[in-house]
Amino acid sequence: MLTLSLYGQYGTWRRSDKSVEVALPAFPGTVRSISAKTLSVEVHDENLMAFNCTKKTVWLDGDRKIKPDALKVGDLVIVEARKVPDGSLDAIYVRLQRPKDDKR
């Protein structure tokens, strides 16, 4: 069984039968398309990455939870994801990044 625990600003997955934590890889980039089930992000090396969005995906703006429709094409995000058995990536956390002077 997997449980989620927050460590600093990044989430980690912990197996309940073992005390091993696995850090999730983070992919910073720009939103290119978003739908109910997929998120397409252009990472900084100009590659396009597709992420599956599930009911377990957590959408954040700072420490505040937001709805997926708050994201727009062109927004800067950091997507923390894990690989699923079919080789695709499931988005676990999608964090909206704002400039430091933009207070919302």
N, C-alpha and C. Protein backbone atom coordinates (compact mmCIF):
# COMPACT_ATOMS: atom_id res chain seq x y z
N MET A 1 0.85 -1.18 0.00
CA MET A 1 0.00 0.00 0.00
C MET A 1 0.88 1.23 0.00
N LEU A 2 0.54 2.22 -0.82
CA LEU A 2 1.29 3.46 -0.89
C LEU A 2 0.53 4.55 -0.16
N THR A 3 1.25 5.36 0.60
CA THR A 3 0.65 6.52 1.23
C THR A 3 1.48 7.73 0.86
N LEU A 4 0.85 8.88 0.84
CA LEU A 4 1.51 10.12 0.45
C LEU A 4 1.83 10.93 1.69
N SER A 5 3.06 11.42 1.76
CA SER A 5 3.41 12.33 2.84
C SER A 5 4.13 13.52 2.25
N LEU A 6 3.93 14.69 2.82
CA LEU A 6 4.58 15.89 2.31
C LEU A 6 5.90 16.09 3.02
N TYR A 7 6.92 16.36 2.25
CA TYR A 7 8.24 16.62 2.79
C TYR A 7 8.70 17.93 2.19
N GLY A 8 8.66 19.02 2.99
CA GLY A 8 8.97 20.32 2.45
C GLY A 8 7.90 20.68 1.43
N GLN A 9 8.31 21.13 0.26
CA GLN A 9 7.31 21.47 -0.75
C GLN A 9 7.10 20.34 -1.73
N TYR A 10 7.81 19.25 -1.60
CA TYR A 10 7.69 18.15 -2.54
C TYR A 10 7.08 16.94 -1.84
N GLY A 11 6.24 16.23 -2.55
CA GLY A 11 5.62 15.04 -2.01
C GLY A 11 6.52 13.83 -2.17
N THR A 12 6.36 12.88 -1.33
CA THR A 12 7.09 11.63 -1.44
C THR A 12 6.11 10.48 -1.27
N TRP A 13 6.42 9.37 -1.87
CA TRP A 13 5.61 8.16 -1.73
C TRP A 13 6.32 7.23 -0.78
N ARG A 14 5.60 6.68 0.17
CA ARG A 14 6.17 5.77 1.15
C ARG A 14 5.40 4.46 1.11
N ARG A 15 6.11 3.37 1.01
CA ARG A 15 5.46 2.07 1.08
C ARG A 15 5.23 1.75 2.55
N SER A 16 4.01 1.34 2.87
CA SER A 16 3.69 1.09 4.27
C SER A 16 4.43 -0.13 4.82
N ASP A 17 4.81 -1.07 3.94
CA ASP A 17 5.51 -2.25 4.42
C ASP A 17 7.02 -2.03 4.51
N LYS A 18 7.51 -0.91 3.96
CA LYS A 18 8.93 -0.58 4.03
C LYS A 18 9.04 0.90 4.37
N SER A 19 10.14 1.29 4.97
CA SER A 19 10.30 2.70 5.33
C SER A 19 11.16 3.43 4.30
N VAL A 20 10.98 3.11 3.04
CA VAL A 20 11.74 3.74 1.97
C VAL A 20 10.89 4.81 1.31
N GLU A 21 11.42 6.03 1.22
CA GLU A 21 10.72 7.11 0.55
C GLU A 21 11.32 7.30 -0.83
N VAL A 22 10.48 7.54 -1.78
CA VAL A 22 10.93 7.75 -3.14
C VAL A 22 10.53 9.17 -3.55
N ALA A 23 11.51 10.00 -3.92
CA ALA A 23 11.20 11.36 -4.36
C ALA A 23 10.62 11.31 -5.77
N LEU A 24 9.66 12.13 -6.01
CA LEU A 24 9.04 12.19 -7.33
C LEU A 24 9.86 13.11 -8.22
N PRO A 25 10.10 12.72 -9.47
CA PRO A 25 10.80 13.62 -10.38
C PRO A 25 9.91 14.80 -10.75
N ALA A 26 10.52 15.97 -10.87
CA ALA A 26 9.78 17.20 -11.18
C ALA A 26 10.15 17.68 -12.58
N PHE A 27 9.15 18.10 -13.33
CA PHE A 27 9.33 18.56 -14.70
C PHE A 27 8.81 19.98 -14.81
N PRO A 28 9.70 20.99 -14.79
CA PRO A 28 9.25 22.37 -14.96
C PRO A 28 9.03 22.67 -16.43
N GLY A 29 8.02 23.47 -16.72
CA GLY A 29 7.77 23.83 -18.12
C GLY A 29 6.56 24.72 -18.27
N THR A 30 6.12 24.85 -19.52
CA THR A 30 5.02 25.71 -19.90
C THR A 30 3.85 24.88 -20.40
N VAL A 31 2.65 25.18 -19.92
CA VAL A 31 1.45 24.45 -20.34
C VAL A 31 1.20 24.72 -21.83
N ARG A 32 1.06 23.65 -22.61
CA ARG A 32 0.74 23.76 -24.03
C ARG A 32 -0.69 23.34 -24.32
N SER A 33 -1.23 22.39 -23.55
CA SER A 33 -2.64 22.04 -23.65
C SER A 33 -3.05 21.36 -22.36
N ILE A 34 -4.34 21.48 -22.06
CA ILE A 34 -4.86 20.86 -20.85
C ILE A 34 -6.29 20.41 -21.12
N SER A 35 -6.59 19.20 -20.66
CA SER A 35 -7.95 18.68 -20.76
C SER A 35 -8.25 17.95 -19.45
N ALA A 36 -9.39 17.31 -19.39
CA ALA A 36 -9.80 16.61 -18.17
C ALA A 36 -8.86 15.46 -17.82
N LYS A 37 -8.27 14.82 -18.84
CA LYS A 37 -7.46 13.63 -18.59
C LYS A 37 -5.99 13.77 -18.94
N THR A 38 -5.60 14.82 -19.65
CA THR A 38 -4.19 14.97 -20.04
C THR A 38 -3.71 16.40 -19.85
N LEU A 39 -2.43 16.51 -19.61
CA LEU A 39 -1.74 17.79 -19.49
C LEU A 39 -0.49 17.70 -20.35
N SER A 40 -0.34 18.62 -21.27
CA SER A 40 0.82 18.65 -22.15
C SER A 40 1.68 19.84 -21.76
N VAL A 41 2.96 19.57 -21.46
CA VAL A 41 3.88 20.60 -20.97
C VAL A 41 5.12 20.62 -21.85
N GLU A 42 5.51 21.82 -22.29
CA GLU A 42 6.77 21.98 -23.01
C GLU A 42 7.84 22.24 -21.97
N VAL A 43 8.74 21.28 -21.81
CA VAL A 43 9.82 21.44 -20.83
C VAL A 43 10.88 22.36 -21.41
N HIS A 44 11.82 22.78 -20.60
CA HIS A 44 12.76 23.82 -20.98
C HIS A 44 13.68 23.46 -22.13
N ASP A 45 13.84 22.20 -22.44
CA ASP A 45 14.66 21.83 -23.61
C ASP A 45 13.81 21.70 -24.87
N GLU A 46 12.62 22.32 -24.85
CA GLU A 46 11.68 22.39 -25.97
C GLU A 46 11.07 21.05 -26.37
N ASN A 47 11.12 20.07 -25.49
CA ASN A 47 10.42 18.80 -25.72
C ASN A 47 9.04 18.89 -25.12
N LEU A 48 8.09 18.22 -25.74
CA LEU A 48 6.72 18.19 -25.26
C LEU A 48 6.51 16.91 -24.46
N MET A 49 6.00 17.03 -23.23
CA MET A 49 5.73 15.88 -22.37
C MET A 49 4.24 15.82 -22.08
N ALA A 50 3.69 14.61 -22.12
CA ALA A 50 2.28 14.40 -21.82
C ALA A 50 2.15 13.69 -20.48
N PHE A 51 1.23 14.16 -19.66
CA PHE A 51 0.97 13.58 -18.35
C PHE A 51 -0.50 13.19 -18.27
N ASN A 52 -0.77 12.05 -17.65
CA ASN A 52 -2.14 11.62 -17.37
C ASN A 52 -2.61 12.33 -16.11
N CYS A 53 -3.79 12.89 -16.13
CA CYS A 53 -4.38 13.52 -14.96
C CYS A 53 -5.46 12.59 -14.42
N THR A 54 -5.35 12.25 -13.16
CA THR A 54 -6.30 11.34 -12.54
C THR A 54 -7.02 12.05 -11.40
N LYS A 55 -7.91 11.33 -10.74
CA LYS A 55 -8.60 11.93 -9.60
C LYS A 55 -7.63 12.14 -8.43
N LYS A 56 -6.46 11.52 -8.48
CA LYS A 56 -5.45 11.69 -7.44
C LYS A 56 -4.51 12.87 -7.70
N THR A 57 -4.60 13.48 -8.87
CA THR A 57 -3.75 14.62 -9.18
C THR A 57 -4.15 15.80 -8.30
N VAL A 58 -3.15 16.43 -7.69
CA VAL A 58 -3.36 17.58 -6.82
C VAL A 58 -2.87 18.82 -7.57
N TRP A 59 -3.74 19.82 -7.70
CA TRP A 59 -3.44 21.06 -8.41
C TRP A 59 -3.21 22.15 -7.37
N LEU A 60 -2.04 22.81 -7.42
CA LEU A 60 -1.67 23.77 -6.39
C LEU A 60 -1.23 25.11 -6.98
N ASP A 61 -1.59 26.18 -6.29
CA ASP A 61 -1.07 27.52 -6.55
C ASP A 61 -0.47 27.96 -5.23
N GLY A 62 0.83 27.81 -5.08
CA GLY A 62 1.47 28.01 -3.79
C GLY A 62 1.06 26.89 -2.86
N ASP A 63 0.49 27.22 -1.72
CA ASP A 63 0.01 26.21 -0.78
C ASP A 63 -1.49 25.96 -0.93
N ARG A 64 -2.12 26.69 -1.82
CA ARG A 64 -3.57 26.64 -1.98
C ARG A 64 -3.95 25.68 -3.10
N LYS A 65 -4.94 24.81 -2.85
CA LYS A 65 -5.46 23.92 -3.88
C LYS A 65 -6.31 24.71 -4.85
N ILE A 66 -6.17 24.37 -6.13
CA ILE A 66 -6.96 25.03 -7.17
C ILE A 66 -7.62 23.98 -8.05
N LYS A 67 -8.50 24.41 -8.91
CA LYS A 67 -9.12 23.50 -9.88
C LYS A 67 -8.28 23.49 -11.15
N PRO A 68 -8.30 22.38 -11.89
CA PRO A 68 -7.51 22.30 -13.12
C PRO A 68 -7.84 23.38 -14.14
N ASP A 69 -9.08 23.86 -14.15
CA ASP A 69 -9.45 24.88 -15.13
C ASP A 69 -8.87 26.26 -14.80
N ALA A 70 -8.18 26.39 -13.66
CA ALA A 70 -7.50 27.64 -13.34
C ALA A 70 -6.22 27.79 -14.16
N LEU A 71 -5.71 26.69 -14.70
CA LEU A 71 -4.51 26.75 -15.53
C LEU A 71 -4.88 27.13 -16.95
N LYS A 72 -4.03 27.95 -17.55
CA LYS A 72 -4.23 28.38 -18.93
C LYS A 72 -2.99 28.03 -19.75
N VAL A 73 -3.16 27.94 -21.06
CA VAL A 73 -2.03 27.71 -21.95
C VAL A 73 -1.04 28.85 -21.77
N GLY A 74 0.23 28.51 -21.60
CA GLY A 74 1.28 29.51 -21.39
C GLY A 74 1.70 29.67 -19.94
N ASP A 75 0.94 29.11 -19.00
CA ASP A 75 1.31 29.19 -17.58
C ASP A 75 2.54 28.35 -17.31
N LEU A 76 3.39 28.83 -16.41
CA LEU A 76 4.54 28.06 -15.97
C LEU A 76 4.12 27.14 -14.84
N VAL A 77 4.50 25.88 -14.94
CA VAL A 77 4.13 24.88 -13.94
C VAL A 77 5.33 23.98 -13.63
N ILE A 78 5.24 23.30 -12.52
CA ILE A 78 6.14 22.20 -12.19
C ILE A 78 5.25 20.99 -11.97
N VAL A 79 5.49 19.94 -12.75
CA VAL A 79 4.69 18.73 -12.64
C VAL A 79 5.54 17.65 -11.97
N GLU A 80 5.06 17.12 -10.87
CA GLU A 80 5.71 15.99 -10.22
C GLU A 80 4.92 14.76 -10.62
N ALA A 81 5.61 13.78 -11.17
CA ALA A 81 4.91 12.64 -11.76
C ALA A 81 5.60 11.34 -11.38
N ARG A 82 4.86 10.26 -11.61
CA ARG A 82 5.45 8.93 -11.44
C ARG A 82 5.10 8.09 -12.66
N LYS A 83 5.98 7.18 -12.98
CA LYS A 83 5.79 6.32 -14.14
C LYS A 83 4.85 5.18 -13.78
N VAL A 84 3.94 4.88 -14.67
CA VAL A 84 3.01 3.78 -14.47
C VAL A 84 3.46 2.60 -15.34
N PRO A 85 2.95 1.41 -15.07
CA PRO A 85 3.44 0.22 -15.78
C PRO A 85 3.42 0.29 -17.30
N ASP A 86 2.48 1.05 -17.89
CA ASP A 86 2.45 1.12 -19.35
C ASP A 86 3.49 2.08 -19.92
N GLY A 87 4.29 2.72 -19.06
CA GLY A 87 5.36 3.61 -19.50
C GLY A 87 4.99 5.08 -19.53
N SER A 88 3.70 5.40 -19.36
CA SER A 88 3.29 6.80 -19.36
C SER A 88 3.52 7.41 -17.97
N LEU A 89 3.29 8.71 -17.85
CA LEU A 89 3.50 9.41 -16.60
C LEU A 89 2.17 9.90 -16.03
N ASP A 90 1.92 9.61 -14.76
CA ASP A 90 0.76 10.14 -14.06
C ASP A 90 1.19 11.37 -13.27
N ALA A 91 0.51 12.49 -13.47
CA ALA A 91 0.79 13.70 -12.71
C ALA A 91 0.26 13.51 -11.29
N ILE A 92 1.13 13.69 -10.32
CA ILE A 92 0.72 13.60 -8.92
C ILE A 92 0.46 15.01 -8.39
N TYR A 93 1.40 15.92 -8.61
CA TYR A 93 1.24 17.33 -8.23
C TYR A 93 1.48 18.19 -9.46
N VAL A 94 0.63 19.17 -9.65
CA VAL A 94 0.84 20.19 -10.66
C VAL A 94 0.85 21.51 -9.90
N ARG A 95 2.02 22.17 -9.91
CA ARG A 95 2.20 23.42 -9.16
C ARG A 95 2.32 24.59 -10.12
N LEU A 96 1.42 25.55 -9.98
CA LEU A 96 1.46 26.76 -10.78
C LEU A 96 2.58 27.64 -10.24
N GLN A 97 3.44 28.14 -11.12
CA GLN A 97 4.55 28.99 -10.72
C GLN A 97 4.23 30.42 -11.11
N ARG A 98 4.39 31.33 -10.18
CA ARG A 98 4.14 32.75 -10.42
C ARG A 98 5.41 33.54 -10.12
N PRO A 99 5.57 34.67 -10.80
CA PRO A 99 6.69 35.54 -10.44
C PRO A 99 6.56 35.99 -8.98
N LYS A 100 7.67 36.28 -8.34
CA LYS A 100 7.67 36.63 -6.92
C LYS A 100 6.81 37.85 -6.61
N ASP A 101 6.71 38.83 -7.53
CA ASP A 101 5.96 40.04 -7.26
C ASP A 101 4.46 39.91 -7.55
N ASP A 102 4.02 38.78 -8.10
CA ASP A 102 2.61 38.55 -8.40
C ASP A 102 1.93 37.88 -7.21
N LYS A 103 1.17 38.66 -6.42
CA LYS A 103 0.51 38.14 -5.22
C LYS A 103 -0.95 37.88 -5.53
N ARG A 104 -1.38 36.62 -5.53
CA ARG A 104 -2.80 36.28 -5.72
C ARG A 104 -3.28 35.45 -4.58
